[in-house]
PDB file of all heavy atoms in Angstrom:
ATOM      1  N   ASP A   1       0.854  -1.188  -0.002  1.00  0.00           N
ATOM      2  CA  ASP A   1      -0.007   0.001  -0.001  1.00  0.00           C
ATOM      3  C   ASP A   1       0.898   1.234   0.008  1.00  0.00           C
ATOM      4  O   ASP A   1       2.072   1.187   0.342  1.00  0.00           O
ATOM      5  CB  ASP A   1      -0.909  -0.012   1.238  1.00  0.00           C
ATOM      6  CG  ASP A   1      -1.946   1.087   1.217  1.00  0.00           C
ATOM      7  OD1 ASP A   1      -2.238   1.620   0.120  1.00  0.00           O
ATOM      8  OD2 ASP A   1      -2.459   1.436   2.290  1.00  0.00           O
ATOM      9  N   TYR A   2       0.295   2.392  -0.356  1.00  0.00           N
ATOM     10  CA  TYR A   2       1.090   3.601  -0.544  1.00  0.00           C
ATOM     11  C   TYR A   2       1.180   4.469   0.698  1.00  0.00           C
ATOM     12  O   TYR A   2       1.682   5.588   0.630  1.00  0.00           O
ATOM     13  CB  TYR A   2       0.504   4.446  -1.700  1.00  0.00           C
ATOM     14  CG  TYR A   2      -1.005   4.400  -1.823  1.00  0.00           C
ATOM     15  CD1 TYR A   2      -1.829   4.888  -0.819  1.00  0.00           C
ATOM     16  CD2 TYR A   2      -1.609   3.849  -2.945  1.00  0.00           C
ATOM     17  CE1 TYR A   2      -3.196   4.824  -0.929  1.00  0.00           C
ATOM     18  CE2 TYR A   2      -2.989   3.795  -3.078  1.00  0.00           C
ATOM     19  CZ  TYR A   2      -3.776   4.285  -2.065  1.00  0.00           C
ATOM     20  OH  TYR A   2      -5.148   4.235  -2.166  1.00  0.00           O
ATOM     21  N   ASP A   3       0.730   3.984   1.854  1.00  0.00           N
ATOM     22  CA  ASP A   3       0.836   4.815   3.054  1.00  0.00           C
ATOM     23  C   ASP A   3       2.028   4.414   3.912  1.00  0.00           C
ATOM     24  O   ASP A   3       2.848   3.583   3.509  1.00  0.00           O
ATOM     25  CB  ASP A   3      -0.480   4.764   3.857  1.00  0.00           C
ATOM     26  CG  ASP A   3      -0.727   3.399   4.468  1.00  0.00           C
ATOM     27  OD1 ASP A   3       0.076   2.462   4.246  1.00  0.00           O
ATOM     28  OD2 ASP A   3      -1.727   3.264   5.202  1.00  0.00           O
ATOM     29  N   VAL A   4       2.161   5.004   5.090  1.00  0.00           N
ATOM     30  CA  VAL A   4       3.302   4.745   5.964  1.00  0.00           C
ATOM     31  C   VAL A   4       3.379   3.276   6.339  1.00  0.00           C
ATOM     32  O   VAL A   4       4.454   2.663   6.341  1.00  0.00           O
ATOM     33  CB  VAL A   4       3.224   5.609   7.250  1.00  0.00           C
ATOM     34  CG1 VAL A   4       4.404   5.294   8.163  1.00  0.00           C
ATOM     35  CG2 VAL A   4       3.231   7.082   6.902  1.00  0.00           C
ATOM     36  N   ASP A   5       2.243   2.673   6.670  1.00  0.00           N
ATOM     37  CA  ASP A   5       2.222   1.266   7.075  1.00  0.00           C
ATOM     38  C   ASP A   5       2.683   0.383   5.921  1.00  0.00           C
ATOM     39  O   ASP A   5       3.496  -0.530   6.115  1.00  0.00           O
ATOM     40  CB  ASP A   5       0.811   0.884   7.532  1.00  0.00           C
ATOM     41  CG  ASP A   5       0.769  -0.422   8.302  1.00  0.00           C
ATOM     42  OD1 ASP A   5       1.848  -0.915   8.685  1.00  0.00           O
ATOM     43  OD2 ASP A   5      -0.350  -0.924   8.535  1.00  0.00           O
ATOM     44  N   GLY A   6       2.161   0.644   4.725  1.00  0.00           N
ATOM     45  CA  GLY A   6       2.600  -0.132   3.571  1.00  0.00           C
ATOM     46  C   GLY A   6       4.064   0.060   3.252  1.00  0.00           C
ATOM     47  O   GLY A   6       4.786  -0.903   2.989  1.00  0.00           O
ATOM     48  N   GLY A   7       4.512   1.316   3.283  1.00  0.00           N
ATOM     49  CA  GLY A   7       5.912   1.599   2.999  1.00  0.00           C
ATOM     50  C   GLY A   7       6.849   0.997   4.023  1.00  0.00           C
ATOM     51  O   GLY A   7       7.908   0.457   3.690  1.00  0.00           O
ATOM     52  N   SER A   8       6.478   1.083   5.302  1.00  0.00           N
ATOM     53  CA  SER A   8       7.292   0.492   6.363  1.00  0.00           C
ATOM     54  C   SER A   8       7.330  -1.032   6.243  1.00  0.00           C
ATOM     55  O   SER A   8       8.378  -1.653   6.454  1.00  0.00           O
ATOM     56  CB  SER A   8       6.758   0.896   7.731  1.00  0.00           C
ATOM     57  OG  SER A   8       6.781   2.291   7.908  1.00  0.00           O
ATOM     58  N   SER A   9       6.176  -1.623   5.929  1.00  0.00           N
ATOM     59  CA  SER A   9       6.107  -3.064   5.767  1.00  0.00           C
ATOM     60  C   SER A   9       7.009  -3.547   4.626  1.00  0.00           C
ATOM     61  O   SER A   9       7.757  -4.529   4.759  1.00  0.00           O
ATOM     62  CB  SER A   9       4.652  -3.499   5.482  1.00  0.00           C
ATOM     63  OG  SER A   9       3.809  -3.182   6.564  1.00  0.00           O
ATOM     64  N   ALA A  10       6.952  -2.815   3.501  1.00  0.00           N
ATOM     65  CA  ALA A  10       7.814  -3.157   2.376  1.00  0.00           C
ATOM     66  C   ALA A  10       9.280  -2.993   2.740  1.00  0.00           C
ATOM     67  O   ALA A  10      10.126  -3.851   2.402  1.00  0.00           O
ATOM     68  CB  ALA A  10       7.458  -2.287   1.179  1.00  0.00           C
ATOM     69  N   ALA A  11       9.604  -1.901   3.447  1.00  0.00           N
ATOM     70  CA  ALA A  11      10.995  -1.647   3.821  1.00  0.00           C
ATOM     71  C   ALA A  11      11.511  -2.726   4.763  1.00  0.00           C
ATOM     72  O   ALA A  11      12.698  -3.100   4.695  1.00  0.00           O
ATOM     73  CB  ALA A  11      11.122  -0.270   4.467  1.00  0.00           C
ATOM     74  N   LEU A  12      10.670  -3.232   5.649  1.00  0.00           N
ATOM     75  CA  LEU A  12      11.065  -4.324   6.530  1.00  0.00           C
ATOM     76  C   LEU A  12      11.518  -5.546   5.723  1.00  0.00           C
ATOM     77  O   LEU A  12      12.577  -6.139   5.980  1.00  0.00           O
ATOM     78  CB  LEU A  12       9.910  -4.725   7.457  1.00  0.00           C
ATOM     79  CG  LEU A  12       9.656  -3.875   8.685  1.00  0.00           C
ATOM     80  CD1 LEU A  12       8.310  -4.239   9.303  1.00  0.00           C
ATOM     81  CD2 LEU A  12      10.761  -4.086   9.712  1.00  0.00           C
ATOM     82  N   LEU A  13      10.711  -5.935   4.743  1.00  0.00           N
ATOM     83  CA  LEU A  13      11.032  -7.096   3.924  1.00  0.00           C
ATOM     84  C   LEU A  13      12.278  -6.850   3.073  1.00  0.00           C
ATOM     85  O   LEU A  13      13.142  -7.718   2.933  1.00  0.00           O
ATOM     86  CB  LEU A  13       9.848  -7.467   3.028  1.00  0.00           C
ATOM     87  CG  LEU A  13       8.621  -8.014   3.754  1.00  0.00           C
ATOM     88  CD1 LEU A  13       7.469  -8.215   2.756  1.00  0.00           C
ATOM     89  CD2 LEU A  13       8.927  -9.331   4.446  1.00  0.00           C
ATOM     90  N   ILE A  14      12.367  -5.653   2.489  1.00  0.00           N
ATOM     91  CA  ILE A  14      13.522  -5.321   1.645  1.00  0.00           C
ATOM     92  C   ILE A  14      14.802  -5.345   2.475  1.00  0.00           C
ATOM     93  O   ILE A  14      15.836  -5.884   2.062  1.00  0.00           O
ATOM     94  CB  ILE A  14      13.305  -3.946   0.980  1.00  0.00           C
ATOM     95  CG1 ILE A  14      12.192  -4.040  -0.071  1.00  0.00           C
ATOM     96  CG2 ILE A  14      14.616  -3.443   0.345  1.00  0.00           C
ATOM     97  CD1 ILE A  14      11.750  -2.680  -0.608  1.00  0.00           C
ATOM     98  N   ASP A  15      14.750  -4.738   3.661  1.00  0.00           N
ATOM     99  CA  ASP A  15      15.909  -4.706   4.557  1.00  0.00           C
ATOM    100  C   ASP A  15      16.330  -6.126   4.934  1.00  0.00           C
ATOM    101  O   ASP A  15      17.511  -6.489   4.871  1.00  0.00           O
ATOM    102  CB  ASP A  15      15.539  -3.901   5.810  1.00  0.00           C
ATOM    103  CG  ASP A  15      16.734  -3.644   6.726  1.00  0.00           C
ATOM    104  OD1 ASP A  15      17.849  -4.092   6.411  1.00  0.00           O
ATOM    105  OD2 ASP A  15      16.552  -2.999   7.775  1.00  0.00           O
ATOM    106  N   TRP A  16      15.369  -6.956   5.334  1.00  0.00           N
ATOM    107  CA  TRP A  16      15.669  -8.322   5.746  1.00  0.00           C
ATOM    108  C   TRP A  16      16.285  -9.110   4.596  1.00  0.00           C
ATOM    109  O   TRP A  16      17.311  -9.780   4.756  1.00  0.00           O
ATOM    110  CB  TRP A  16      14.363  -9.001   6.217  1.00  0.00           C
ATOM    111  CG  TRP A  16      14.535 -10.259   6.996  1.00  0.00           C
ATOM    112  CD1 TRP A  16      14.581 -10.403   8.345  1.00  0.00           C
ATOM    113  CD2 TRP A  16      14.681 -11.593   6.458  1.00  0.00           C
ATOM    114  NE1 TRP A  16      14.720 -11.731   8.692  1.00  0.00           N
ATOM    115  CE2 TRP A  16      14.797 -12.483   7.553  1.00  0.00           C
ATOM    116  CE3 TRP A  16      14.720 -12.110   5.169  1.00  0.00           C
ATOM    117  CZ2 TRP A  16      14.953 -13.852   7.392  1.00  0.00           C
ATOM    118  CZ3 TRP A  16      14.888 -13.489   5.008  1.00  0.00           C
ATOM    119  CH2 TRP A  16      14.992 -14.342   6.104  1.00  0.00           C
ATOM    120  N   LEU A  17      15.678  -9.057   3.428  1.00  0.00           N
ATOM    121  CA  LEU A  17      16.187  -9.792   2.277  1.00  0.00           C
ATOM    122  C   LEU A  17      17.570  -9.270   1.862  1.00  0.00           C
ATOM    123  O   LEU A  17      18.462 -10.069   1.513  1.00  0.00           O
ATOM    124  CB  LEU A  17      15.216  -9.665   1.105  1.00  0.00           C
ATOM    125  CG  LEU A  17      13.913 -10.456   1.222  1.00  0.00           C
ATOM    126  CD1 LEU A  17      12.903 -10.012   0.163  1.00  0.00           C
ATOM    127  CD2 LEU A  17      14.175 -11.971   1.089  1.00  0.00           C
ATOM    128  N   ARG A  18      17.762  -7.968   1.930  1.00  0.00           N
ATOM    129  CA  ARG A  18      19.051  -7.401   1.547  1.00  0.00           C
ATOM    130  C   ARG A  18      20.156  -7.896   2.467  1.00  0.00           C
ATOM    131  O   ARG A  18      21.282  -8.196   2.021  1.00  0.00           O
ATOM    132  CB  ARG A  18      18.936  -5.885   1.590  1.00  0.00           C
ATOM    133  CG  ARG A  18      20.071  -5.143   0.890  1.00  0.00           C
ATOM    134  CD  ARG A  18      19.728  -3.655   0.833  1.00  0.00           C
ATOM    135  NE  ARG A  18      18.835  -3.344  -0.276  1.00  0.00           N
ATOM    136  CZ  ARG A  18      18.045  -2.284  -0.337  1.00  0.00           C
ATOM    137  NH1 ARG A  18      18.011  -1.440   0.688  1.00  0.00           N
ATOM    138  NH2 ARG A  18      17.293  -2.060  -1.396  1.00  0.00           N
ATOM    139  N   GLN A  19      19.842  -8.003   3.756  1.00  0.00           N
ATOM    140  CA  GLN A  19      20.850  -8.528   4.700  1.00  0.00           C
ATOM    141  C   GLN A  19      21.144 -10.014   4.469  1.00  0.00           C
ATOM    142  O   GLN A  19      22.187 -10.510   4.885  1.00  0.00           O
ATOM    143  CB  GLN A  19      20.380  -8.307   6.134  1.00  0.00           C
ATOM    144  CG  GLN A  19      20.350  -6.844   6.545  1.00  0.00           C
ATOM    145  CD  GLN A  19      20.075  -6.673   8.038  1.00  0.00           C
ATOM    146  OE1 GLN A  19      20.751  -7.253   8.867  1.00  0.00           O
ATOM    147  NE2 GLN A  19      19.058  -5.881   8.358  1.00  0.00           N
ATOM    148  N   MET A  20      20.213 -10.680   3.777  1.00  0.00           N
ATOM    149  CA  MET A  20      20.430 -12.090   3.418  1.00  0.00           C
ATOM    150  C   MET A  20      20.991 -12.212   1.999  1.00  0.00           C
ATOM    151  O   MET A  20      21.038 -13.315   1.430  1.00  0.00           O
ATOM    152  CB  MET A  20      19.120 -12.863   3.531  1.00  0.00           C
ATOM    153  CG  MET A  20      18.548 -12.907   4.931  1.00  0.00           C
ATOM    154  SD  MET A  20      19.580 -13.820   6.109  1.00  0.00           S
ATOM    155  CE  MET A  20      19.241 -15.514   5.608  1.00  0.00           C
ATOM    156  N   GLY A  21      21.400 -11.077   1.430  1.00  0.00           N
ATOM    157  CA  GLY A  21      22.037 -11.108   0.126  1.00  0.00           C
ATOM    158  C   GLY A  21      21.084 -11.129  -1.063  1.00  0.00           C
ATOM    159  O   GLY A  21      21.483 -11.511  -2.171  1.00  0.00           O
ATOM    160  N   ARG A  22      19.840 -10.727  -0.846  1.00  0.00           N
ATOM    161  CA  ARG A  22      18.858 -10.779  -1.931  1.00  0.00           C
ATOM    162  C   ARG A  22      18.181  -9.420  -2.107  1.00  0.00           C
ATOM    163  O   ARG A  22      18.069  -8.653  -1.170  1.00  0.00           O
ATOM    164  CB  ARG A  22      17.788 -11.833  -1.617  1.00  0.00           C
ATOM    165  CG  ARG A  22      18.280 -13.266  -1.554  1.00  0.00           C
ATOM    166  CD  ARG A  22      18.721 -13.756  -2.915  1.00  0.00           C
ATOM    167  NE  ARG A  22      17.748 -13.490  -3.948  1.00  0.00           N
ATOM    168  CZ  ARG A  22      16.607 -14.163  -4.122  1.00  0.00           C
ATOM    169  NH1 ARG A  22      16.332 -15.199  -3.335  1.00  0.00           N
ATOM    170  NH2 ARG A  22      15.775 -13.838  -5.081  1.00  0.00           N
ATOM    171  N   GLU A  23      17.723  -9.176  -3.322  1.00  0.00           N
ATOM    172  CA  GLU A  23      16.936  -7.980  -3.605  1.00  0.00           C
ATOM    173  C   GLU A  23      15.520  -8.396  -4.019  1.00  0.00           C
ATOM    174  O   GLU A  23      15.328  -9.508  -4.538  1.00  0.00           O
ATOM    175  CB  GLU A  23      17.575  -7.168  -4.742  1.00  0.00           C
ATOM    176  CG  GLU A  23      18.905  -6.516  -4.371  1.00  0.00           C
ATOM    177  CD  GLU A  23      18.762  -5.378  -3.388  1.00  0.00           C
ATOM    178  OE1 GLU A  23      17.666  -4.759  -3.338  1.00  0.00           O
ATOM    179  OE2 GLU A  23      19.736  -5.098  -2.643  1.00  0.00           O
ATOM    180  N   ALA A  24      14.569  -7.528  -3.784  1.00  0.00           N
ATOM    181  CA  ALA A  24      13.170  -7.807  -4.167  1.00  0.00           C
ATOM    182  C   ALA A  24      12.675  -6.669  -5.038  1.00  0.00           C
ATOM    183  O   ALA A  24      13.170  -5.528  -4.955  1.00  0.00           O
ATOM    184  CB  ALA A  24      12.304  -7.953  -2.928  1.00  0.00           C
ATOM    185  N   THR A  25      11.678  -6.944  -5.842  1.00  0.00           N
ATOM    186  CA  THR A  25      11.024  -5.922  -6.659  1.00  0.00           C
ATOM    187  C   THR A  25       9.943  -5.247  -5.830  1.00  0.00           C
ATOM    188  O   THR A  25       9.091  -5.915  -5.251  1.00  0.00           O
ATOM    189  CB  THR A  25      10.401  -6.545  -7.914  1.00  0.00           C
ATOM    190  OG1 THR A  25      11.429  -7.150  -8.702  1.00  0.00           O
ATOM    191  CG2 THR A  25       9.690  -5.480  -8.741  1.00  0.00           C
ATOM    192  N   LEU A  26       9.980  -3.923  -5.768  1.00  0.00           N
ATOM    193  CA  LEU A  26       8.967  -3.166  -5.038  1.00  0.00           C
ATOM    194  C   LEU A  26       7.934  -2.646  -6.022  1.00  0.00           C
ATOM    195  O   LEU A  26       8.280  -2.046  -7.033  1.00  0.00           O
ATOM    196  CB  LEU A  26       9.617  -2.001  -4.301  1.00  0.00           C
ATOM    197  CG  LEU A  26       8.667  -1.004  -3.632  1.00  0.00           C
ATOM    198  CD1 LEU A  26       7.912  -1.664  -2.479  1.00  0.00           C
ATOM    199  CD2 LEU A  26       9.455   0.223  -3.131  1.00  0.00           C
ATOM    200  N   TYR A  27       6.658  -2.872  -5.713  1.00  0.00           N
ATOM    201  CA  TYR A  27       5.583  -2.318  -6.542  1.00  0.00           C
ATOM    202  C   TYR A  27       4.545  -1.664  -5.624  1.00  0.00           C
ATOM    203  O   TYR A  27       4.004  -2.327  -4.724  1.00  0.00           O
ATOM    204  CB  TYR A  27       4.897  -3.383  -7.382  1.00  0.00           C
ATOM    205  CG  TYR A  27       3.939  -2.787  -8.404  1.00  0.00           C
ATOM    206  CD1 TYR A  27       4.353  -2.525  -9.696  1.00  0.00           C
ATOM    207  CD2 TYR A  27       2.635  -2.445  -8.056  1.00  0.00           C
ATOM    208  CE1 TYR A  27       3.508  -1.934 -10.630  1.00  0.00           C
ATOM    209  CE2 TYR A  27       1.765  -1.851  -8.967  1.00  0.00           C
ATOM    210  CZ  TYR A  27       2.227  -1.613 -10.261  1.00  0.00           C
ATOM    211  OH  TYR A  27       1.368  -1.020 -11.165  1.00  0.00           O
ATOM    212  N   ILE A  28       4.322  -0.378  -5.822  1.00  0.00           N
ATOM    213  CA  ILE A  28       3.305   0.340  -5.066  1.00  0.00           C
ATOM    214  C   ILE A  28       2.382   0.996  -6.069  1.00  0.00           C
ATOM    215  O   ILE A  28       2.822   1.745  -6.943  1.00  0.00           O
ATOM    216  CB  ILE A  28       3.926   1.388  -4.121  1.00  0.00           C
ATOM    217  CG1 ILE A  28       4.818   0.663  -3.098  1.00  0.00           C
ATOM    218  CG2 ILE A  28       2.860   2.191  -3.431  1.00  0.00           C
ATOM    219  CD1 ILE A  28       5.459   1.570  -2.068  1.00  0.00           C
ATOM    220  N   PRO A  29       1.073   0.726  -6.000  1.00  0.00           N
ATOM    221  CA  PRO A  29       0.142   1.265  -6.998  1.00  0.00           C
ATOM    222  C   PRO A  29      -0.017   2.772  -6.883  1.00  0.00           C
ATOM    223  O   PRO A  29       0.103   3.336  -5.799  1.00  0.00           O
ATOM    224  CB  PRO A  29      -1.173   0.533  -6.679  1.00  0.00           C
ATOM    225  CG  PRO A  29      -1.059   0.244  -5.205  1.00  0.00           C
ATOM    226  CD  PRO A  29       0.376  -0.049  -4.955  1.00  0.00           C
ATOM    227  N   ASP A  30      -0.277   3.398  -8.002  1.00  0.00           N
ATOM    228  CA  ASP A  30      -0.586   4.815  -8.006  1.00  0.00           C
ATOM    229  C   ASP A  30      -1.969   5.047  -7.424  1.00  0.00           C
ATOM    230  O   ASP A  30      -2.946   4.410  -7.836  1.00  0.00           O
ATOM    231  CB  ASP A  30      -0.519   5.368  -9.436  1.00  0.00           C
ATOM    232  CG  ASP A  30      -0.771   6.862  -9.470  1.00  0.00           C
ATOM    233  OD1 ASP A  30       0.201   7.633  -9.362  1.00  0.00           O
ATOM    234  OD2 ASP A  30      -1.949   7.250  -9.603  1.00  0.00           O
ATOM    235  N   ARG A  31      -2.056   5.948  -6.470  1.00  0.00           N
ATOM    236  CA  ARG A  31      -3.314   6.165  -5.742  1.00  0.00           C
ATOM    237  C   ARG A  31      -4.455   6.566  -6.683  1.00  0.00           C
ATOM    238  O   ARG A  31      -5.588   6.104  -6.532  1.00  0.00           O
ATOM    239  CB  ARG A  31      -3.111   7.250  -4.685  1.00  0.00           C
ATOM    240  CG  ARG A  31      -4.266   7.396  -3.721  1.00  0.00           C
ATOM    241  CD  ARG A  31      -3.951   8.473  -2.700  1.00  0.00           C
ATOM    242  NE  ARG A  31      -4.760   8.235  -1.503  1.00  0.00           N
ATOM    243  CZ  ARG A  31      -4.254   8.080  -0.270  1.00  0.00           C
ATOM    244  NH1 ARG A  31      -2.963   8.091  -0.075  1.00  0.00           N
ATOM    245  NH2 ARG A  31      -5.048   7.906   0.764  1.00  0.00           N
ATOM    246  N   ILE A  32      -4.152   7.399  -7.673  1.00  0.00           N
ATOM    247  CA  ILE A  32      -5.200   7.915  -8.547  1.00  0.00           C
ATOM    248  C   ILE A  32      -5.499   6.950  -9.700  1.00  0.00           C
ATOM    249  O   ILE A  32      -6.653   6.610  -9.962  1.00  0.00           O
ATOM    250  CB  ILE A  32      -4.796   9.291  -9.098  1.00  0.00           C
ATOM    251  CG1 ILE A  32      -4.698  10.292  -7.940  1.00  0.00           C
ATOM    252  CG2 ILE A  32      -5.817   9.777 -10.126  1.00  0.00           C
ATOM    253  CD1 ILE A  32      -4.204  11.659  -8.331  1.00  0.00           C
ATOM    254  N   ASP A  33      -4.463   6.460 -10.365  1.00  0.00           N
ATOM    255  CA  ASP A  33      -4.657   5.627 -11.548  1.00  0.00           C
ATOM    256  C   ASP A  33      -5.081   4.197 -11.197  1.00  0.00           C
ATOM    257  O   ASP A  33      -5.845   3.565 -11.922  1.00  0.00           O
ATOM    258  CB  ASP A  33      -3.404   5.572 -12.398  1.00  0.00           C
ATOM    259  CG  ASP A  33      -3.048   6.933 -12.997  1.00  0.00           C
ATOM    260  OD1 ASP A  33      -3.972   7.772 -13.089  1.00  0.00           O
ATOM    261  OD2 ASP A  33      -1.885   7.140 -13.355  1.00  0.00           O
ATOM    262  N   GLU A  34      -4.571   3.665 -10.068  1.00  0.00           N
ATOM    263  CA  GLU A  34      -4.815   2.252  -9.747  1.00  0.00           C
ATOM    264  C   GLU A  34      -5.677   2.069  -8.492  1.00  0.00           C
ATOM    265  O   GLU A  34      -6.275   1.003  -8.324  1.00  0.00           O
ATOM    266  CB  GLU A  34      -3.489   1.508  -9.560  1.00  0.00           C
ATOM    267  CG  GLU A  34      -2.614   1.475 -10.803  1.00  0.00           C
ATOM    268  CD  GLU A  34      -1.280   0.824 -10.528  1.00  0.00           C
ATOM    269  OE1 GLU A  34      -1.200  -0.416 -10.581  1.00  0.00           O
ATOM    270  OE2 GLU A  34      -0.306   1.573 -10.256  1.00  0.00           O
ATOM    271  N   GLY A  35      -5.672   3.046  -7.606  1.00  0.00           N
ATOM    272  CA  GLY A  35      -6.446   2.892  -6.374  1.00  0.00           C
ATOM    273  C   GLY A  35      -5.757   2.007  -5.378  1.00  0.00           C
ATOM    274  O   GLY A  35      -4.610   1.588  -5.545  1.00  0.00           O
ATOM    275  N   TYR A  36      -6.481   1.709  -4.310  1.00  0.00           N
ATOM    276  CA  TYR A  36      -5.922   0.923  -3.214  1.00  0.00           C
ATOM    277  C   TYR A  36      -5.880  -0.561  -3.542  1.00  0.00           C
ATOM    278  O   TYR A  36      -6.798  -1.117  -4.126  1.00  0.00           O
ATOM    279  CB  TYR A  36      -6.767   1.133  -1.945  1.00  0.00           C
ATOM    280  CG  TYR A  36      -6.477   0.132  -0.839  1.00  0.00           C
ATOM    281  CD1 TYR A  36      -5.368   0.302  -0.027  1.00  0.00           C
ATOM    282  CD2 TYR A  36      -7.278  -0.986  -0.658  1.00  0.00           C
ATOM    283  CE1 TYR A  36      -5.068  -0.617   0.973  1.00  0.00           C
ATOM    284  CE2 TYR A  36      -7.005  -1.906   0.337  1.00  0.00           C
ATOM    285  CZ  TYR A  36      -5.890  -1.711   1.155  1.00  0.00           C
ATOM    286  OH  TYR A  36      -5.595  -2.634   2.138  1.00  0.00           O
ATOM    287  N   GLY A  37      -4.789  -1.201  -3.161  1.00  0.00           N
ATOM    288  CA  GLY A  37      -4.710  -2.652  -3.215  1.00  0.00           C
ATOM    289  C   GLY A  37      -4.349  -3.229  -4.569  1.00  0.00           C
ATOM    290  O   GLY A  37      -4.249  -2.509  -5.569  1.00  0.00           O
ATOM    291  N   PRO A  38      -4.153  -4.555  -4.615  1.00  0.00           N
ATOM    292  CA  PRO A  38      -3.791  -5.224  -5.867  1.00  0.00           C
ATOM    293  C   PRO A  38      -4.848  -5.025  -6.953  1.00  0.00           C
ATOM    294  O   PRO A  38      -6.039  -5.003  -6.672  1.00  0.00           O
ATOM    295  CB  PRO A  38      -3.703  -6.693  -5.452  1.00  0.00           C
ATOM    296  CG  PRO A  38      -3.388  -6.655  -3.992  1.00  0.00           C
ATOM    297  CD  PRO A  38      -4.137  -5.471  -3.458  1.00  0.00           C
ATOM    298  N   ASN A  39      -4.370  -4.887  -8.192  1.00  0.00           N
ATOM    299  CA  ASN A  39      -5.256  -4.832  -9.348  1.00  0.00           C
ATOM    300  C   ASN A  39      -4.785  -5.869 -10.364  1.00  0.00           C
ATOM    301  O   ASN A  39      -3.613  -6.305 -10.337  1.00  0.00           O
ATOM    302  CB  ASN A  39      -5.294  -3.434  -9.964  1.00  0.00           C
ATOM    303  CG  ASN A  39      -3.915  -2.961 -10.397  1.00  0.00           C
ATOM    304  OD1 ASN A  39      -3.447  -3.303 -11.476  1.00  0.00           O
ATOM    305  ND2 ASN A  39      -3.247  -2.161  -9.555  1.00  0.00           N
TER     306      ASN A  39
END
């Protein structure tokens, strides 16, 4: 999600994976064009 909770949640996973030597793809939908949640 595009708010603080979503951004912090994503950053937690990215940080954890990075420390394990891996990178992840981050995707956050545009609030206006895509709206909330998976599409």
